[in-house]
Amino acid sequence: MAFKEYKGLNLSQVADEILIDWEKNNSFEKSISIRKGAPKFIFYEGPPSANGMPGIHHVMARSIKDIFCRYKTLKGFEVNRKAGWDTHGLPIELSVEKDLGITKEDIGTKISVEDYNKACKKAVMKYTDVWNDLTKKMGYWVDTENPYVTYKSKYIETVWWLLKQLYDKKLIYKGYTIQPYSPKAGTGLSSHELNQPGTYQDVTDTTVVAQFKAINETLPDELKSFDSVYFLAWTTTPWTLPSNTALTVGQKINYVLVSTFNQYTFEPVSVILARDLVSKVFKNGFTEVQNKLELKFDIKSKNKIPFIVEKSFIGNDLIDVKYEQLWNGAPLPYENSQNAFRVIAGDFVTTEDGTGIVHTAPTFGADDAKVAKMASPEIPPLLIYNENQQLVP
């Protein structure tokens, strides 16, 4: 076989000539047909969405996919490669609703479900031609003539069939996960949807330092002699405090016990927090003393509340210390409530801000749910059930 000699390198020209040669000789089709009967390597492309324009990242990802298929072809496999289109997702719905000037509540009244579905199906395939053109130009070998489309009944019924097989083999279990939720759309959000332009914005929000009273008999021996010991826990989501079921510390972080006076009640109190954050927590209105004899509080000078660092230890010493639930009368976890309201470890705890102790509500935070599940025994989320033991949404 003779190959054309090039006097100068013109990559665009070479690419065009190779594509013409592949098309003329049906190279892609032959790479499959001449291997009929050989061991099969089946490839279904993780489908792109044709409602948006392709970008360079799609070219890079598809090039990697193509390498594997071509390698298997060279190894003698019959490599059937099926293209697909991802047609599900909230961005499609929202864009169609914006174009039609409707909201979710209007579906079934101002517009029929059938017409709404037709509009979505049309919008989701908007840039199909552009995608097919890119597929051809980049030399990506995949069957675009017979793609699988996720909105078609055959695909949907296949997914349900597969789920049924998993269920019959007892490979599906019931559990809880934390999902971002859109009140406007009335649905959960995927990580892809959370990365859409305009999803995030910088805001100034209120943070809270809450006091959680330790149960004395569960404290390390060196701390049991102190009365009224509290954990100072920091949170950027104060509305989740009623659902607190754990406090998270860093196992290797240095913590201290500080004796002082409550700045609101002026009662004596001992608090636990990260050593590196003492100067940030005890700043305005507080004065550090070096001798416990100086730990006296005069209500007339309440802008100078004394405090003293009494004990030092690491986070690992606090693991499994129990504390009282923040609010009396708040609901208890329905299952395994005896495992709740204790200190656990988490690698996301830092001493950059806050107190070095993180309020943990597995019901609301993905990180919270993860460390709660990893704890031994597992920390239960605070879920509200009715008298029939049904979860209240």
Protein backbone atom coordinates (compact mmCIF):
# COMPACT_ATOMS: atom_id res chain seq x y z
CA MET A 1 0.00 0.00 0.00
CA ALA A 2 1.39 3.35 -1.08
CA PHE A 3 1.14 6.39 1.16
CA LYS A 4 1.10 9.95 -0.09
CA GLU A 5 4.24 11.95 0.55
CA TYR A 6 3.82 15.44 1.99
CA LYS A 7 6.42 18.11 1.34
CA GLY A 8 5.12 20.32 4.15
CA LEU A 9 2.98 19.73 7.20
CA ASN A 10 -0.56 21.03 6.85
CA LEU A 11 -2.61 19.30 9.49
CA SER A 12 -5.95 20.65 8.26
CA GLN A 13 -5.25 19.35 4.76
CA VAL A 14 -4.13 15.95 6.07
CA ALA A 15 -7.25 15.67 8.23
CA ASP A 16 -9.58 16.53 5.34
CA GLU A 17 -7.89 14.00 3.03
CA ILE A 18 -8.04 11.23 5.62
CA LEU A 19 -11.72 11.90 6.29
CA ILE A 20 -12.45 11.76 2.56
CA ASP A 21 -10.54 8.47 2.31
CA TRP A 22 -12.39 6.97 5.29
CA GLU A 23 -15.76 8.00 3.85
CA LYS A 24 -14.91 6.74 0.35
CA ASN A 25 -13.81 3.33 1.61
CA ASN A 26 -16.42 2.98 4.42
CA SER A 27 -13.50 2.43 6.78
CA PHE A 28 -15.58 2.66 9.97
CA GLU A 29 -18.23 0.22 8.77
CA LYS A 30 -15.56 -2.21 7.47
CA SER A 31 -13.66 -2.12 10.78
CA ILE A 32 -16.75 -3.79 12.25
CA SER A 33 -18.04 -5.93 9.38
CA ILE A 34 -14.74 -7.72 8.63
CA ARG A 35 -14.65 -8.86 12.26
CA LYS A 36 -18.08 -10.50 12.31
CA GLY A 37 -17.94 -13.56 14.52
CA ALA A 38 -14.96 -12.29 16.51
CA PRO A 39 -15.27 -11.63 20.27
CA LYS A 40 -17.41 -8.55 20.82
CA PHE A 41 -16.49 -5.33 22.61
CA ILE A 42 -19.67 -3.27 22.99
CA PHE A 43 -19.50 0.49 23.51
CA TYR A 44 -22.43 2.77 24.29
CA GLU A 45 -21.35 6.39 24.44
CA GLY A 46 -22.17 8.27 27.62
CA PRO A 47 -24.56 10.54 25.78
CA PRO A 48 -24.09 14.28 25.35
CA SER A 49 -27.01 16.72 25.41
CA ALA A 50 -27.77 18.23 22.02
CA ASN A 51 -29.53 21.26 23.50
CA GLY A 52 -26.16 22.97 23.92
CA MET A 53 -23.19 23.57 21.65
CA PRO A 54 -20.23 21.18 21.89
CA GLY A 55 -16.96 22.48 23.33
CA ILE A 56 -13.29 21.53 23.35
CA HIS A 57 -13.85 19.39 26.46
CA HIS A 58 -16.20 17.20 24.44
CA VAL A 59 -13.51 16.74 21.79
CA MET A 60 -11.00 15.71 24.46
CA ALA A 61 -13.37 13.26 26.15
CA ARG A 62 -14.46 11.70 22.88
CA SER A 63 -10.85 11.31 21.75
CA ILE A 64 -10.12 9.25 24.86
CA LYS A 65 -13.21 7.11 24.23
CA ASP A 66 -12.14 6.59 20.62
CA ILE A 67 -8.68 5.38 21.66
CA PHE A 68 -10.13 2.45 23.59
CA CYS A 69 -12.45 1.41 20.76
CA ARG A 70 -9.72 1.60 18.13
CA TYR A 71 -7.34 -0.34 20.38
CA LYS A 72 -9.89 -3.13 20.80
CA THR A 73 -10.48 -3.11 17.03
CA LEU A 74 -6.74 -3.56 16.42
CA LYS A 75 -6.77 -6.45 18.90
CA GLY A 76 -9.30 -8.24 16.69
CA PHE A 77 -12.58 -7.50 18.50
CA GLU A 78 -15.84 -6.67 16.78
CA VAL A 79 -16.43 -3.22 18.26
CA ASN A 80 -19.99 -1.98 17.90
CA ARG A 81 -20.14 1.66 19.01
CA LYS A 82 -23.52 3.23 19.59
CA ALA A 83 -24.04 6.96 19.92
CA GLY A 84 -26.73 8.40 22.14
CA TRP A 85 -28.49 11.58 23.18
CA ASP A 86 -29.13 12.61 26.76
CA THR A 87 -32.56 14.24 26.70
CA HIS A 88 -33.45 14.37 30.38
CA GLY A 89 -32.70 17.12 32.84
CA LEU A 90 -33.95 20.23 34.48
CA PRO A 91 -32.08 22.72 32.21
CA ILE A 92 -34.16 21.52 29.24
CA GLU A 93 -37.42 22.06 31.08
CA LEU A 94 -36.46 25.47 32.41
CA SER A 95 -35.32 26.74 29.01
CA VAL A 96 -38.56 25.57 27.38
CA GLU A 97 -40.68 27.12 30.13
CA LYS A 98 -38.80 30.39 29.70
CA ASP A 99 -39.36 30.37 25.92
CA LEU A 100 -43.06 29.57 26.37
CA GLY A 101 -43.51 32.05 29.22
CA ILE A 102 -44.91 29.44 31.59
CA THR A 103 -44.09 27.85 34.96
CA LYS A 104 -44.39 24.28 36.19
CA GLU A 105 -47.84 25.09 37.57
CA ASP A 106 -49.06 26.01 34.05
CA ILE A 107 -48.42 22.53 32.65
CA GLY A 108 -51.77 20.83 32.22
CA THR A 109 -53.69 24.12 32.27
CA LYS A 110 -52.19 26.75 29.97
CA ILE A 111 -50.40 24.05 27.97
CA SER A 112 -51.17 20.36 27.70
CA VAL A 113 -48.65 17.78 28.91
CA GLU A 114 -48.43 16.44 25.34
CA ASP A 115 -47.58 19.85 23.86
CA TYR A 116 -45.11 20.53 26.66
CA ASN A 117 -43.35 17.23 25.97
CA LYS A 118 -43.22 18.01 22.24
CA ALA A 119 -41.63 21.39 22.94
CA CYS A 120 -39.04 19.76 25.22
CA LYS A 121 -38.22 17.05 22.65
CA LYS A 122 -37.74 19.68 19.97
CA ALA A 123 -35.53 21.89 22.14
CA VAL A 124 -33.35 19.05 23.39
CA MET A 125 -32.29 18.11 19.85
CA LYS A 126 -31.64 21.71 18.79
CA TYR A 127 -27.95 21.31 17.95
CA THR A 128 -27.96 17.72 16.68
CA ASP A 129 -26.59 18.75 13.28
CA VAL A 130 -23.72 20.67 14.87
CA TRP A 131 -22.83 17.67 17.02
CA ASN A 132 -22.95 15.27 14.06
CA ASP A 133 -20.73 17.60 12.04
CA LEU A 134 -18.19 17.75 14.88
CA THR A 135 -18.29 13.96 15.25
CA LYS A 136 -17.39 13.58 11.59
CA LYS A 137 -14.71 16.29 11.49
CA MET A 138 -12.84 15.02 14.54
CA GLY A 139 -12.77 11.47 13.17
CA TYR A 140 -14.76 10.00 16.03
CA TRP A 141 -16.05 6.62 14.97
CA VAL A 142 -19.49 5.98 16.45
CA ASP A 143 -22.85 4.94 14.99
CA THR A 144 -24.86 8.16 14.79
CA GLU A 145 -27.40 6.68 12.38
CA ASN A 146 -29.03 4.54 15.06
CA PRO A 147 -28.50 6.38 18.36
CA TYR A 148 -30.25 5.57 21.60
CA VAL A 149 -32.38 8.48 22.82
CA THR A 150 -33.22 8.66 26.50
CA TYR A 151 -36.72 10.08 26.03
CA LYS A 152 -37.87 7.16 23.90
CA SER A 153 -40.05 4.51 25.51
CA LYS A 154 -37.67 1.70 24.59
CA TYR A 155 -34.86 3.31 26.57
CA ILE A 156 -37.04 4.21 29.56
CA GLU A 157 -38.60 0.74 29.72
CA THR A 158 -35.13 -0.81 29.48
CA VAL A 159 -33.96 1.19 32.49
CA TRP A 160 -36.99 0.06 34.49
CA TRP A 161 -36.36 -3.53 33.41
CA LEU A 162 -32.75 -3.29 34.61
CA LEU A 163 -33.86 -1.83 37.94
CA LYS A 164 -36.26 -4.75 38.32
CA GLN A 165 -33.40 -7.21 37.75
CA LEU A 166 -31.32 -5.45 40.42
CA TYR A 167 -34.28 -5.50 42.81
CA ASP A 168 -34.89 -9.23 42.25
CA LYS A 169 -31.21 -9.90 43.04
CA LYS A 170 -31.52 -7.83 46.23
CA LEU A 171 -28.93 -5.35 44.97
CA ILE A 172 -31.12 -2.32 45.74
CA TYR A 173 -31.38 -1.05 49.29
CA LYS A 174 -33.24 1.74 50.99
CA GLY A 175 -31.13 4.56 52.37
CA TYR A 176 -30.93 8.31 52.74
CA THR A 177 -28.85 10.80 50.80
CA ILE A 178 -28.62 14.57 50.89
CA GLN A 179 -29.79 16.17 47.66
CA PRO A 180 -29.76 19.84 46.68
CA TYR A 181 -33.34 20.94 46.05
CA SER A 182 -34.91 23.64 43.90
CA PRO A 183 -38.11 25.04 45.46
CA LYS A 184 -38.91 26.82 42.20
CA ALA A 185 -38.61 23.71 40.05
CA GLY A 186 -39.97 21.41 42.74
CA THR A 187 -37.26 18.80 42.22
CA GLY A 188 -33.84 17.67 43.33
CA LEU A 189 -30.77 18.95 41.51
CA SER A 190 -27.86 17.01 40.05
CA SER A 191 -24.23 18.07 40.42
CA HIS A 192 -24.28 18.99 36.71
CA GLU A 193 -27.24 21.30 37.24
CA LEU A 194 -25.51 22.94 40.20
CA ASN A 195 -22.65 23.87 37.88
CA GLN A 196 -24.86 25.77 35.45
CA PRO A 197 -23.96 29.45 34.94
CA GLY A 198 -25.49 31.72 37.55
CA THR A 199 -26.15 28.93 40.05
CA TYR A 200 -23.75 30.27 42.67
CA GLN A 201 -23.40 33.78 43.94
CA ASP A 202 -21.42 35.35 46.77
CA VAL A 203 -23.62 36.39 49.67
CA THR A 204 -23.04 37.64 53.18
CA ASP A 205 -24.71 35.36 55.67
CA THR A 206 -25.04 34.98 59.43
CA THR A 207 -22.92 32.43 61.27
CA VAL A 208 -23.59 31.18 64.78
CA VAL A 209 -21.50 29.76 67.62
CA ALA A 210 -23.70 27.47 69.73
CA GLN A 211 -22.99 25.94 73.13
CA PHE A 212 -23.58 22.19 73.53
CA LYS A 213 -23.41 20.96 77.13
CA ALA A 214 -21.16 17.93 77.57
CA ILE A 215 -22.37 15.01 79.67
CA ASN A 216 -19.77 15.05 82.43
CA GLU A 217 -19.30 11.32 82.95
CA THR A 218 -18.38 10.82 79.26
CA LEU A 219 -15.60 13.45 79.29
CA PRO A 220 -11.91 12.46 79.49
CA ASP A 221 -10.81 12.00 83.11
CA GLU A 222 -8.77 15.23 83.15
CA LEU A 223 -11.93 17.25 82.36
CA LYS A 224 -14.43 15.59 84.71
CA SER A 225 -13.53 17.91 87.59
CA PHE A 226 -14.88 20.93 85.69
CA ASP A 227 -18.50 21.96 86.06
CA SER A 228 -20.69 23.05 83.16
CA VAL A 229 -18.41 22.05 80.27
CA TYR A 230 -19.70 23.10 76.86
CA PHE A 231 -18.54 22.51 73.30
CA LEU A 232 -18.43 25.68 71.21
CA ALA A 233 -19.63 24.63 67.77
CA TRP A 234 -19.65 26.86 64.72
CA THR A 235 -22.17 26.76 61.88
CA THR A 236 -22.85 28.72 58.72
CA THR A 237 -26.35 27.23 58.60
CA PRO A 238 -28.01 28.16 61.90
CA TRP A 239 -31.45 27.09 60.65
CA THR A 240 -30.23 23.47 60.79
CA LEU A 241 -29.40 23.57 64.53
CA PRO A 242 -32.69 21.90 65.55
CA SER A 243 -31.61 18.87 63.50
CA ASN A 244 -28.18 18.56 65.12
CA THR A 245 -27.22 14.96 66.01
CA ALA A 246 -23.41 15.19 66.23
CA LEU A 247 -20.41 17.47 66.67
CA THR A 248 -17.40 16.93 64.42
CA VAL A 249 -13.76 17.54 65.39
CA GLY A 250 -10.42 17.01 63.68
CA GLN A 251 -8.64 14.07 65.30
CA LYS A 252 -5.19 15.70 65.15
CA ILE A 253 -6.29 19.27 65.86
CA ASN A 254 -5.17 20.75 69.19
CA TYR A 255 -8.06 21.72 71.46
CA VAL A 256 -8.21 23.51 74.80
CA LEU A 257 -10.61 23.92 77.69
CA VAL A 258 -11.15 27.57 78.55
CA SER A 259 -12.70 28.76 81.82
CA THR A 260 -14.59 32.05 81.57
CA PHE A 261 -18.02 33.61 82.08
CA ASN A 262 -20.99 33.42 79.73
CA GLN A 263 -21.18 36.80 78.02
CA TYR A 264 -24.98 36.82 78.19
CA THR A 265 -25.80 35.25 81.58
CA PHE A 266 -22.42 36.06 83.19
CA GLU A 267 -22.46 32.62 84.81
CA PRO A 268 -19.14 30.67 85.16
CA VAL A 269 -18.60 28.29 82.27
CA SER A 270 -15.89 26.07 80.77
CA VAL A 271 -15.80 25.71 76.99
CA ILE A 272 -13.90 23.53 74.52
CA LEU A 273 -12.59 24.85 71.19
CA ALA A 274 -9.53 24.66 68.93
CA ARG A 275 -6.39 26.22 70.40
CA ASP A 276 -5.61 28.17 67.20
CA LEU A 277 -9.02 29.88 67.32
CA VAL A 278 -9.02 31.07 70.92
CA SER A 279 -7.80 34.52 69.93
CA LYS A 280 -10.58 34.83 67.32
CA VAL A 281 -13.40 33.70 69.60
CA PHE A 282 -12.26 35.51 72.75
CA LYS A 283 -11.54 38.96 71.39
CA ASN A 284 -14.04 41.80 71.79
CA GLY A 285 -14.90 42.22 75.46
CA PHE A 286 -12.63 39.44 76.74
CA THR A 287 -9.32 39.61 78.59
CA GLU A 288 -6.97 36.66 79.03
CA VAL A 289 -5.54 36.04 82.51
CA GLN A 290 -2.68 33.74 83.49
CA ASN A 291 -3.69 32.93 87.05
CA LYS A 292 -6.97 31.34 88.07
CA LEU A 293 -7.11 33.68 91.06
CA GLU A 294 -7.59 36.49 88.55
CA LEU A 295 -10.65 34.76 87.09
CA LYS A 296 -13.11 37.08 88.75
CA PHE A 297 -15.94 38.85 87.02
CA ASP A 298 -17.32 42.24 87.91
CA ILE A 299 -20.67 42.81 86.22
CA LYS A 300 -19.94 46.54 86.20
CA SER A 301 -17.10 45.92 83.75
CA LYS A 302 -18.76 43.36 81.51
CA ASN A 303 -16.79 44.59 78.54
CA LYS A 304 -13.77 42.90 80.13
CA ILE A 305 -14.75 39.28 80.73
CA PRO A 306 -11.72 37.28 81.93
CA PHE A 307 -10.79 33.86 80.54
CA ILE A 308 -7.99 31.38 81.12
CA VAL A 309 -6.77 28.38 79.11
CA GLU A 310 -6.76 25.45 81.53
CA LYS A 311 -6.26 22.18 79.64
CA SER A 312 -4.86 21.07 76.28
CA PHE A 313 -5.57 17.88 74.33
CA ILE A 314 -6.16 16.65 70.78
CA GLY A 315 -9.43 15.99 68.99
CA ASN A 316 -9.04 12.24 69.24
CA ASP A 317 -9.42 12.55 73.03
CA LEU A 318 -12.93 13.92 72.52
CA ILE A 319 -14.29 11.19 70.24
CA ASP A 320 -17.52 9.65 71.58
CA VAL A 321 -17.98 12.25 74.33
CA LYS A 322 -21.73 12.74 74.61
CA TYR A 323 -23.64 15.97 75.03
CA GLU A 324 -27.19 17.12 75.69
CA GLN A 325 -29.50 17.79 72.76
CA LEU A 326 -29.52 21.50 72.04
CA TRP A 327 -33.27 22.02 72.57
CA ASN A 328 -35.39 20.23 75.13
CA GLY A 329 -38.53 18.88 73.51
CA ALA A 330 -37.05 18.71 70.00
CA PRO A 331 -37.76 15.43 68.17
CA LEU A 332 -35.33 12.55 68.67
CA PRO A 333 -34.01 10.38 65.83
CA TYR A 334 -36.59 7.68 65.23
CA GLU A 335 -34.00 4.90 65.06
CA ASN A 336 -30.90 4.38 67.22
CA SER A 337 -31.29 7.66 69.06
CA GLN A 338 -28.86 6.36 71.68
CA ASN A 339 -26.09 6.70 69.09
CA ALA A 340 -26.79 10.39 68.51
CA PHE A 341 -25.51 13.51 70.24
CA ARG A 342 -21.85 12.61 70.51
CA VAL A 343 -18.51 13.83 69.15
CA ILE A 344 -17.21 12.23 65.96
CA ALA A 345 -14.23 12.81 63.64
CA GLY A 346 -14.19 14.44 60.22
CA ASP A 347 -11.32 15.36 57.90
CA PHE A 348 -13.09 18.50 56.66
CA VAL A 349 -12.70 20.28 60.02
CA THR A 350 -10.12 23.10 59.91
CA THR A 351 -8.90 25.89 62.17
CA GLU A 352 -9.25 28.64 59.56
CA ASP A 353 -12.59 29.89 60.86
CA GLY A 354 -15.12 29.21 63.58
CA THR A 355 -14.20 27.13 66.64
CA GLY A 356 -12.68 23.95 65.20
CA ILE A 357 -15.84 22.08 66.21
CA VAL A 358 -18.52 21.76 63.54
CA HIS A 359 -22.24 21.45 64.21
CA THR A 360 -23.33 18.36 62.29
CA ALA A 361 -26.83 17.75 60.95
CA PRO A 362 -26.87 14.67 58.66
CA THR A 363 -30.39 15.60 57.54
CA PHE A 364 -29.12 18.70 55.73
CA GLY A 365 -25.47 18.39 54.66
CA ALA A 366 -23.75 15.93 52.32
CA ASP A 367 -20.48 16.15 54.28
CA ASP A 368 -22.43 15.83 57.53
CA ALA A 369 -24.23 12.75 56.26
CA LYS A 370 -20.95 11.19 55.11
CA VAL A 371 -19.09 11.55 58.43
CA ALA A 372 -22.21 10.47 60.34
CA LYS A 373 -22.43 7.29 58.28
CA MET A 374 -18.71 6.60 58.73
CA ALA A 375 -18.91 6.99 62.50
CA SER A 376 -18.96 3.79 64.53
CA PRO A 377 -21.68 3.32 65.53
CA GLU A 378 -23.39 5.35 62.80
CA ILE A 379 -24.92 8.68 63.78
CA PRO A 380 -28.63 8.71 62.83
CA PRO A 381 -30.17 11.73 61.09
CA LEU A 382 -32.97 13.55 62.81
CA LEU A 383 -36.00 12.58 60.76
CA ILE A 384 -39.54 13.40 61.78
CA TYR A 385 -42.08 10.57 61.75
CA ASN A 386 -45.82 10.69 62.38
CA GLU A 387 -47.78 8.46 64.73
CA ASN A 388 -47.98 5.78 61.99
CA GLN A 389 -44.19 5.67 61.79
CA GLN A 390 -44.23 7.29 58.35
CA LEU A 391 -41.57 9.79 57.41
CA VAL A 392 -42.90 13.33 57.32
CA PRO A 393 -41.60 15.06 54.16
